[in-house]
C-alpha atoms as a PDB file:
ATOM      1  CA  MET A   1      43.646 -11.231 -49.725  1.00  0.00           C
ATOM      2  CA  HIS A   2      42.973  -7.865 -51.940  1.00  0.00           C
ATOM      3  CA  GLU A   3      46.075  -7.289 -53.966  1.00  0.00           C
ATOM      4  CA  ILE A   4      44.456  -4.850 -56.360  1.00  0.00           C
ATOM      5  CA  PHE A   5      42.168  -1.874 -55.576  1.00  0.00           C
ATOM      6  CA  ILE A   6      40.120  -0.634 -58.298  1.00  0.00           C
ATOM      7  CA  ASN A   7      39.452   3.286 -57.793  1.00  0.00           C
ATOM      8  CA  TYR A   8      36.925   5.028 -59.734  1.00  0.00           C
ATOM      9  CA  ARG A   9      34.065   7.572 -60.144  1.00  0.00           C
ATOM     10  CA  THR A  10      30.694   6.341 -60.713  1.00  0.00           C
ATOM     11  CA  LYS A  11      29.737   8.647 -63.301  1.00  0.00           C
ATOM     12  CA  GLY A  12      32.531   7.921 -65.994  1.00  0.00           C
ATOM     13  CA  GLY A  13      34.201   5.268 -64.797  1.00  0.00           C
ATOM     14  CA  LYS A  14      31.816   2.446 -63.524  1.00  0.00           C
ATOM     15  CA  GLU A  15      31.658   0.384 -66.802  1.00  0.00           C
ATOM     16  CA  VAL A  16      35.178   0.235 -67.219  1.00  0.00           C
ATOM     17  CA  ALA A  17      35.655  -0.623 -63.620  1.00  0.00           C
ATOM     18  CA  TYR A  18      33.488  -3.783 -63.783  1.00  0.00           C
ATOM     19  CA  MET A  19      35.595  -4.786 -67.052  1.00  0.00           C
ATOM     20  CA  CYS A  20      38.915  -4.253 -64.831  1.00  0.00           C
ATOM     21  CA  ASP A  21      37.606  -6.292 -61.980  1.00  0.00           C
ATOM     22  CA  GLU A  22      35.622  -9.298 -64.328  1.00  0.00           C
ATOM     23  CA  GLU A  23      39.396  -9.662 -66.334  1.00  0.00           C
ATOM     24  CA  LEU A  24      41.731  -9.396 -63.210  1.00  0.00           C
ATOM     25  CA  SER A  25      39.359 -11.754 -61.276  1.00  0.00           C
ATOM     26  CA  GLU A  26      39.409 -14.170 -63.665  1.00  0.00           C
ATOM     27  CA  ARG A  27      43.204 -14.077 -64.169  1.00  0.00           C
ATOM     28  CA  PHE A  28      44.426 -13.446 -60.196  1.00  0.00           C
ATOM     29  CA  GLY A  29      40.974 -14.805 -58.636  1.00  0.00           C
ATOM     30  CA  PRO A  30      38.206 -12.940 -57.370  1.00  0.00           C
ATOM     31  CA  ASP A  31      39.663 -12.558 -53.794  1.00  0.00           C
ATOM     32  CA  SER A  32      42.675 -10.473 -55.161  1.00  0.00           C
ATOM     33  CA  VAL A  33      40.547  -7.986 -56.725  1.00  0.00           C
ATOM     34  CA  PHE A  34      38.421  -4.949 -54.588  1.00  0.00           C
ATOM     35  CA  LEU A  35      35.677  -3.467 -56.263  1.00  0.00           C
ATOM     36  CA  ALA A  36      33.334  -1.570 -53.978  1.00  0.00           C
ATOM     37  CA  LYS A  37      29.976  -2.323 -55.599  1.00  0.00           C
ATOM     38  CA  LYS A  38      31.098  -6.274 -55.115  1.00  0.00           C
ATOM     39  CA  SER A  39      33.478  -6.636 -52.023  1.00  0.00           C
ATOM     40  CA  ILE A  40      32.071  -4.604 -49.671  1.00  0.00           C
ATOM     41  CA  GLU A  41      30.162  -6.862 -47.359  1.00  0.00           C
ATOM     42  CA  LEU A  42      26.552  -6.587 -45.961  1.00  0.00           C
ATOM     43  CA  GLY A  43      26.733  -4.451 -42.945  1.00  0.00           C
ATOM     44  CA  ASP A  44      30.140  -2.960 -43.299  1.00  0.00           C
ATOM     45  CA  SER A  45      30.981   0.603 -42.912  1.00  0.00           C
ATOM     46  CA  MET A  46      32.607   2.769 -45.723  1.00  0.00           C
ATOM     47  CA  ASP A  47      35.665   2.960 -43.653  1.00  0.00           C
ATOM     48  CA  VAL A  48      36.514  -0.506 -45.275  1.00  0.00           C
ATOM     49  CA  LEU A  49      37.435   0.947 -48.497  1.00  0.00           C
ATOM     50  CA  LEU A  50      40.371   2.885 -46.483  1.00  0.00           C
ATOM     51  CA  ARG A  51      41.455  -0.145 -44.759  1.00  0.00           C
ATOM     52  CA  THR A  52      41.638  -2.032 -47.909  1.00  0.00           C
ATOM     53  CA  VAL A  53      43.525   0.193 -49.559  1.00  0.00           C
ATOM     54  CA  ARG A  54      46.291   0.066 -46.938  1.00  0.00           C
ATOM     55  CA  ARG A  55      46.675  -3.449 -47.429  1.00  0.00           C
ATOM     56  CA  CYS A  56      46.385  -3.738 -51.080  1.00  0.00           C
ATOM     57  CA  HIS A  57      49.603  -3.695 -52.990  1.00  0.00           C
ATOM     58  CA  VAL A  58      48.381  -2.210 -56.336  1.00  0.00           C
ATOM     59  CA  LEU A  59      45.691   0.755 -56.638  1.00  0.00           C
ATOM     60  CA  LEU A  60      43.964   1.372 -60.162  1.00  0.00           C
ATOM     61  CA  ALA A  61      42.851   4.838 -60.523  1.00  0.00           C
ATOM     62  CA  LEU A  62      40.499   4.826 -63.298  1.00  0.00           C
ATOM     63  CA  ILE A  63      40.784   8.453 -65.259  1.00  0.00           C
ATOM     64  CA  HIS A  64      37.963   9.178 -67.572  1.00  0.00           C
ATOM     65  CA  GLU A  65      37.361  12.482 -69.519  1.00  0.00           C
ATOM     66  CA  GLY A  66      36.601  15.033 -67.670  1.00  0.00           C
ATOM     67  CA  TRP A  67      37.540  13.361 -64.499  1.00  0.00           C
ATOM     68  CA  THR A  68      39.728  16.494 -62.881  1.00  0.00           C
ATOM     69  CA  ASP A  69      36.442  18.883 -62.857  1.00  0.00           C
ATOM     70  CA  GLU A  70      33.975  15.857 -62.123  1.00  0.00           C
ATOM     71  CA  PRO A  71      31.228  18.347 -60.323  1.00  0.00           C
ATOM     72  CA  HIS A  72      30.398  17.403 -56.729  1.00  0.00           C
ATOM     73  CA  ARG A  73      26.919  15.243 -56.353  1.00  0.00           C
ATOM     74  CA  SER A  74      25.419  17.914 -54.272  1.00  0.00           C
ATOM     75  CA  ASP A  75      27.226  20.615 -55.014  1.00  0.00           C
ATOM     76  CA  PRO A  76      27.243  20.972 -58.584  1.00  0.00           C
ATOM     77  CA  GLY A  77      28.920  24.407 -58.554  1.00  0.00           C
ATOM     78  CA  ARG A  78      32.456  22.901 -57.148  1.00  0.00           C
ATOM     79  CA  ARG A  79      34.457  20.041 -58.281  1.00  0.00           C
ATOM     80  CA  ALA A  80      34.084  16.397 -56.375  1.00  0.00           C
ATOM     81  CA  LEU A  81      37.750  16.297 -55.666  1.00  0.00           C
ATOM     82  CA  ASP A  82      37.586  19.716 -53.750  1.00  0.00           C
ATOM     83  CA  ASP A  83      35.939  18.126 -51.326  1.00  0.00           C
ATOM     84  CA  PRO A  84      38.278  16.572 -48.339  1.00  0.00           C
ATOM     85  CA  GLN A  85      35.232  13.310 -47.900  1.00  0.00           C
ATOM     86  CA  ASP A  86      35.408  12.535 -51.624  1.00  0.00           C
ATOM     87  CA  TRP A  87      35.789   8.993 -51.670  1.00  0.00           C
ATOM     88  CA  VAL A  88      37.857   8.956 -54.924  1.00  0.00           C
ATOM     89  CA  ARG A  89      40.263  11.633 -53.582  1.00  0.00           C
ATOM     90  CA  ARG A  90      40.428  10.076 -50.000  1.00  0.00           C
ATOM     91  CA  GLU A  91      41.287   6.339 -51.483  1.00  0.00           C
ATOM     92  CA  ILE A  92      44.038   8.272 -53.707  1.00  0.00           C
ATOM     93  CA  GLU A  93      45.439   9.675 -50.668  1.00  0.00           C
ATOM     94  CA  GLU A  94      45.368   6.767 -48.609  1.00  0.00           C
ATOM     95  CA  ALA A  95      47.061   4.897 -51.482  1.00  0.00           C
ATOM     96  CA  LEU A  96      50.067   7.448 -51.512  1.00  0.00           C
ATOM     97  CA  SER A  97      50.693   7.292 -47.711  1.00  0.00           C
ATOM     98  CA  SER A  98      50.697   3.484 -47.560  1.00  0.00           C
ATOM     99  CA  GLY A  99      53.228   3.304 -50.582  1.00  0.00           C
ATOM    100  CA  ALA A 100      51.194   1.248 -52.537  1.00  0.00           C
ATOM    101  CA  LEU A 101      51.716   0.717 -56.507  1.00  0.00           C
ATOM    102  CA  ILE A 102      49.311   3.622 -58.020  1.00  0.00           C
ATOM    103  CA  VAL A 103      48.802   3.353 -61.781  1.00  0.00           C
ATOM    104  CA  PRO A 104      46.689   6.028 -63.450  1.00  0.00           C
ATOM    105  CA  LEU A 105      44.451   4.019 -66.139  1.00  0.00           C
ATOM    106  CA  PHE A 106      43.114   6.818 -68.403  1.00  0.00           C
ATOM    107  CA  ILE A 107      39.823   5.242 -70.295  1.00  0.00           C
ATOM    108  CA  GLY A 108      40.205   5.878 -74.220  1.00  0.00           C
ATOM    109  CA  ARG A 109      42.688   8.208 -76.216  1.00  0.00           C
ATOM    110  CA  LYS A 110      40.938  11.562 -75.338  1.00  0.00           C
ATOM    111  CA  VAL A 111      41.866  11.918 -71.933  1.00  0.00           C
ATOM    112  CA  GLU A 112      45.150  13.954 -71.309  1.00  0.00           C
ATOM    113  CA  GLN A 113      48.215  13.650 -68.927  1.00  0.00           C
ATOM    114  CA  LEU A 114      47.251  15.117 -65.448  1.00  0.00           C
ATOM    115  CA  ASP A 115      48.155  18.559 -64.617  1.00  0.00           C
ATOM    116  CA  ALA A 116      49.438  18.664 -60.769  1.00  0.00           C
ATOM    117  CA  ARG A 117      48.455  22.330 -60.350  1.00  0.00           C
ATOM    118  CA  ARG A 118      44.896  21.263 -61.199  1.00  0.00           C
ATOM    119  CA  LEU A 119      44.696  18.784 -58.254  1.00  0.00           C
ATOM    120  CA  PRO A 120      44.445  19.129 -54.759  1.00  0.00           C
ATOM    121  CA  ARG A 121      47.524  19.571 -53.142  1.00  0.00           C
ATOM    122  CA  SER A 122      46.752  15.977 -51.415  1.00  0.00           C
ATOM    123  CA  ILE A 123      46.918  14.054 -54.366  1.00  0.00           C
ATOM    124  CA  ALA A 124      49.022  16.097 -56.492  1.00  0.00           C
ATOM    125  CA  GLU A 125      51.874  13.512 -56.645  1.00  0.00           C
ATOM    126  CA  LEU A 126      49.527  11.528 -58.843  1.00  0.00           C
ATOM    127  CA  ALA A 127      50.195  13.623 -61.996  1.00  0.00           C
ATOM    128  CA  GLU A 128      54.053  12.200 -61.662  1.00  0.00           C
ATOM    129  CA  TYR A 129      52.941   8.515 -61.855  1.00  0.00           C
ATOM    130  CA  GLN A 130      53.424   6.685 -65.228  1.00  0.00           C
ATOM    131  CA  TYR A 131      49.893   6.235 -66.574  1.00  0.00           C
ATOM    132  CA  THR A 132      48.905   3.498 -68.995  1.00  0.00           C
ATOM    133  CA  ARG A 133      45.512   3.174 -71.187  1.00  0.00           C
ATOM    134  CA  VAL A 134      42.696   0.933 -71.883  1.00  0.00           C
ATOM    135  CA  GLU A 135      40.023   1.131 -75.154  1.00  0.00           C
ATOM    136  CA  LEU A 136      36.953  -0.193 -74.581  1.00  0.00           C
ATOM    137  CA  HIS A 137      37.273  -2.101 -78.087  1.00  0.00           C
ATOM    138  CA  ASN A 138      40.477  -3.651 -77.063  1.00  0.00           C
ATOM    139  CA  ARG A 139      40.072  -4.138 -73.464  1.00  0.00           C
ATOM    140  CA  GLN A 140      41.178  -7.965 -73.134  1.00  0.00           C
ATOM    141  CA  GLU A 141      44.382  -7.071 -74.542  1.00  0.00           C
ATOM    142  CA  ASP A 142      45.038  -4.027 -72.971  1.00  0.00           C
ATOM    143  CA  LEU A 143      44.133  -5.453 -69.117  1.00  0.00           C
ATOM    144  CA  ALA A 144      46.422  -8.514 -70.117  1.00  0.00           C
ATOM    145  CA  ARG A 145      49.454  -6.393 -71.099  1.00  0.00           C
ATOM    146  CA  ILE A 146      48.582  -4.480 -67.963  1.00  0.00           C
ATOM    147  CA  GLY A 147      48.314  -7.654 -65.875  1.00  0.00           C
ATOM    148  CA  ASP A 148      51.883  -8.607 -66.954  1.00  0.00           C
ATOM    149  CA  ARG A 149      53.227  -5.351 -66.013  1.00  0.00           C
ATOM    150  CA  LEU A 150      51.963  -5.523 -62.782  1.00  0.00           C
ATOM    151  CA  ILE A 151      53.306  -8.932 -61.902  1.00  0.00           C
ATOM    152  CA  GLN A 152      56.607  -7.457 -62.853  1.00  0.00           C
ATOM    153  CA  ARG A 153      56.094  -4.536 -60.328  1.00  0.00           C
ATOM    154  CA  VAL A 154      54.230  -6.824 -57.833  1.00  0.00           C
ATOM    155  CA  PRO A 155      55.967 -10.549 -57.297  1.00  0.00           C
ATOM    156  CA  ALA A 156      53.114 -10.996 -55.160  1.00  0.00           C
ATOM    157  CA  LEU A 157      50.921 -11.586 -57.985  1.00  0.00           C
ATOM    158  CA  ALA A 158      52.964 -14.112 -59.861  1.00  0.00           C
ATOM    159  CA  PRO A 159      51.480 -17.288 -57.817  1.00  0.00           C
ATOM    160  CA  LEU A 160      48.019 -16.216 -58.509  1.00  0.00           C
ATOM    161  CA  ASP A 161      48.233 -15.965 -62.126  1.00  0.00           C
ATOM    162  CA  ARG A 162      46.203 -18.094 -64.018  1.00  0.00           C
ATOM    163  CA  SER A 163      46.289 -17.121 -67.462  1.00  0.00           C
ATOM    164  CA  PRO A 164      46.874 -19.785 -70.109  1.00  0.00           C
ATOM    165  CA  ARG A 165      50.462 -18.894 -70.292  1.00  0.00           C
ATOM    166  CA  ALA A 166      51.137 -19.168 -66.941  1.00  0.00           C
ATOM    167  CA  VAL A 167      49.241 -22.470 -66.345  1.00  0.00           C
ATOM    168  CA  ALA A 168      51.404 -23.662 -69.557  1.00  0.00           C
ATOM    169  CA  THR A 169      54.711 -22.684 -68.130  1.00  0.00           C
ATOM    170  CA  VAL A 170      54.052 -24.265 -65.132  1.00  0.00           C
ATOM    171  CA  ALA A 171      53.025 -27.619 -66.685  1.00  0.00           C
ATOM    172  CA  ALA A 172      56.075 -27.539 -68.832  1.00  0.00           C
ATOM    173  CA  ALA A 173      58.259 -26.987 -65.949  1.00  0.00           C
ATOM    174  CA  ALA A 174      56.775 -29.986 -64.292  1.00  0.00           C
ATOM    175  CA  GLU A 175      57.443 -32.129 -67.396  1.00  0.00           C
ATOM    176  CA  SER A 176      60.638 -31.351 -67.719  1.00  0.00           C
ATOM    177  CA  SER A 177      61.943 -31.775 -64.139  1.00  0.00           C
ATOM    178  CA  PRO A 178      63.658 -35.026 -63.707  1.00  0.00           C
ATOM    179  CA  GLU A 179      62.194 -37.847 -61.278  1.00  0.00           C
ATOM    180  CA  PRO A 180      65.110 -38.716 -58.729  1.00  0.00           C
ATOM    181  CA  THR A 181      66.305 -42.159 -59.457  1.00  0.00           C
ATOM    182  CA  VAL A 182      68.581 -44.451 -57.424  1.00  0.00           C
ATOM    183  CA  ARG A 183      70.944 -46.836 -59.477  1.00  0.00           C
ATOM    184  CA  THR A 184      70.888 -50.416 -58.035  1.00  0.00           C
ATOM    185  CA  ASP A 185      73.372 -51.761 -60.557  1.00  0.00           C
ATOM    186  CA  HIS A 186      76.873 -53.062 -59.493  1.00  0.00           C
ATOM    187  CA  GLN A 187      75.873 -52.532 -55.880  1.00  0.00           C
ATOM    188  CA  SER A 188      76.652 -55.023 -53.091  1.00  0.00           C
ATOM    189  CA  GLY A 189      75.152 -55.160 -49.640  1.00  0.00           C
ATOM    190  CA  GLY A 190      72.452 -52.999 -48.795  1.00  0.00           C
ATOM    191  CA  ILE A 191      71.994 -49.721 -46.703  1.00  0.00           C
ATOM    192  CA  GLY A 192      69.994 -49.548 -43.411  1.00  0.00           C
ATOM    193  CA  SER A 193      69.716 -47.594 -39.987  1.00  0.00           C
ATOM    194  CA  VAL A 194      72.356 -47.530 -37.245  1.00  0.00           C
ATOM    195  CA  GLY A 195      71.704 -47.049 -33.450  1.00  0.00           C
ATOM    196  CA  ARG A 196      70.280 -43.681 -32.008  1.00  0.00           C
ATOM    197  CA  SER A 197      69.482 -40.864 -34.265  1.00  0.00           C
ATOM    198  CA  VAL A 198      71.007 -40.819 -37.867  1.00  0.00           C
ATOM    199  CA  GLY A 199      73.809 -43.541 -38.099  1.00  0.00           C
ATOM    200  CA  THR A 200      73.835 -44.869 -42.005  1.00  0.00           C
ATOM    201  CA  PHE A 201      75.095 -48.452 -42.345  1.00  0.00           C
ATOM    202  CA  ILE A 202      76.938 -49.000 -45.948  1.00  0.00           C
ATOM    203  CA  ASN A 203      77.692 -52.269 -46.753  1.00  0.00           C
ATOM    204  CA  THR A 204      80.315 -52.718 -49.230  1.00  0.00           C
ATOM    205  CA  ALA A 205      82.429 -55.686 -50.269  1.00  0.00           C
ATOM    206  CA  HIS A 206      85.362 -54.403 -48.138  1.00  0.00           C
ATOM    207  CA  GLY A 207      83.337 -54.797 -44.558  1.00  0.00           C
ATOM    208  CA  PRO A 208      81.081 -51.957 -43.014  1.00  0.00           C
ATOM    209  CA  LEU A 209      81.407 -48.748 -42.679  1.00  0.00           C
ATOM    210  CA  ASN A 210      79.406 -46.244 -40.242  1.00  0.00           C
ATOM    211  CA  SER A 211      78.293 -42.853 -41.776  1.00  0.00           C
ATOM    212  CA  GLY A 212      76.548 -40.282 -39.109  1.00  0.00           C
ATOM    213  CA  GLU A 213      76.073 -40.195 -35.260  1.00  0.00           C
ATOM    214  CA  GLY A 214      74.770 -43.415 -35.050  1.00  0.00           C
ATOM    215  CA  ASP A 215      76.866 -46.540 -32.891  1.00  0.00           C
ATOM    216  CA  GLN A 216      79.169 -48.636 -35.191  1.00  0.00           C
ATOM    217  CA  ILE A 217      77.427 -52.223 -34.068  1.00  0.00           C
ATOM    218  CA  ASN A 218      79.499 -54.495 -36.236  1.00  0.00           C
ATOM    219  CA  GLY A 219      81.986 -56.120 -34.616  1.00  0.00           C
ATOM    220  CA  PRO A 220      82.989 -54.383 -31.298  1.00  0.00           C
ATOM    221  CA  GLN A 221      80.323 -51.630 -30.528  1.00  0.00           C
ATOM    222  CA  ILE A 222      82.274 -48.531 -29.701  1.00  0.00           C
ATOM    223  CA  ASN A 223      80.864 -45.519 -27.926  1.00  0.00           C
ATOM    224  CA  GLY A 224      82.256 -42.138 -26.057  1.00  0.00           C
ATOM    225  CA  ASN A 225      84.654 -39.750 -26.965  1.00  0.00           C
ATOM    226  CA  GLY A 226      88.740 -40.896 -27.017  1.00  0.00           C
ATOM    227  CA  THR A 227      88.164 -44.568 -27.705  1.00  0.00           C
ATOM    228  CA  ASN A 228      91.047 -46.329 -30.606  1.00  0.00           C
ATOM    229  CA  TYR A 229      89.785 -49.597 -31.793  1.00  0.00           C
ATOM    230  CA  VAL A 230      92.520 -51.234 -33.932  1.00  0.00           C
ATOM    231  CA  ALA A 231      91.924 -54.557 -36.212  1.00  0.00           C
ATOM    232  CA  GLY A 232      94.551 -56.387 -37.860  1.00  0.00           C
ATOM    233  CA  ASN A 233      98.053 -55.940 -37.766  1.00  0.00           C
ATOM    234  CA  ASN A 234      99.762 -52.878 -36.258  1.00  0.00           C
ATOM    235  CA  GLU A 235     103.181 -52.426 -37.293  1.00  0.00           C
ATOM    236  CA  GLY A 236     103.687 -48.941 -35.693  1.00  0.00           C
ATOM    237  CA  GLY A 237     102.826 -47.073 -32.723  1.00  0.00           C
ATOM    238  CA  ILE A 238      99.864 -45.110 -31.699  1.00  0.00           C
ATOM    239  CA  ARG A 239      99.682 -42.068 -29.490  1.00  0.00           C
ATOM    240  CA  GLN A 240      97.084 -39.996 -28.725  1.00  0.00           C
ATOM    241  CA  GLY A 241      96.950 -36.976 -25.988  1.00  0.00           C
ATOM    242  CA  PHE A 242      94.163 -35.558 -24.250  1.00  0.00           C
ATOM    243  CA  GLY A 243      93.745 -31.968 -22.828  1.00  0.00           C
ATOM    244  CA  THR A 244      96.791 -29.179 -22.573  1.00  0.00           C
ATOM    245  CA  ARG A 245     100.587 -30.153 -23.006  1.00  0.00           C
ATOM    246  CA  THR A 246     102.322 -29.375 -20.100  1.00  0.00           C
ATOM    247  CA  PRO A 247     106.409 -29.023 -20.994  1.00  0.00           C
ATOM    248  CA  ARG A 248     109.122 -30.713 -20.009  1.00  0.00           C
ATOM    249  CA  GLY A 249     110.361 -29.229 -16.721  1.00  0.00           C
ATOM    250  CA  GLY A 250     107.786 -26.234 -16.648  1.00  0.00           C
ATOM    251  CA  GLU A 251     104.488 -25.062 -15.725  1.00  0.00           C
ATOM    252  CA  GLN A 252     101.678 -25.338 -17.420  1.00  0.00           C
ATOM    253  CA  ARG A 253     101.030 -22.327 -20.077  1.00  0.00           C
END
């Protein structure tokens, strides 16, 4: 399942989108990152983009310089974002409605914070989300930091983490976990199973004990409810009652 969806515009964002895919796929696995150029299978319709966004936990919205005013390909006189069929816009709309974690990823230092008043109303909320930045010359460190923060927000990513630090942590935990041991010193007798389901036979110096639901098979065999067995001397009496007690001279209450 794709956990991270990379939303980008070809002009201005393609190079960084490929870098994000490379770094995040290496860390979380190639099947965890969706990049349209790589992930759309032969014969798929473009609607697979929206279906995938709905299932993803994270949408990285790559914002390059001039992203807000990027002109429409077939109609340069208007902005691409003003077209309701613009795929970048539709993917963000879908992520907003699905409840995915949306991370505006600013490319470089020149990108300024988004202005909600200059965005289509359907995605104006994007301007309120906390953004982060990635620098081309520092992309590995930046994307490693972003990966760390994504794990904090999306626990489903933690088991997929293949970073050297995560692998070392798992290995150290495995080495420090003690193996279960059984003490055999000062033990007399043995332990074995006793009739039916989960009975346990524990043999000590003082005779057999039956622990669990099995039958007692050392000595007289005892089955059923309400049975007493007394071995050895009995200097007192044994009283046992079943059912509801009837008071003397009166009716049962």
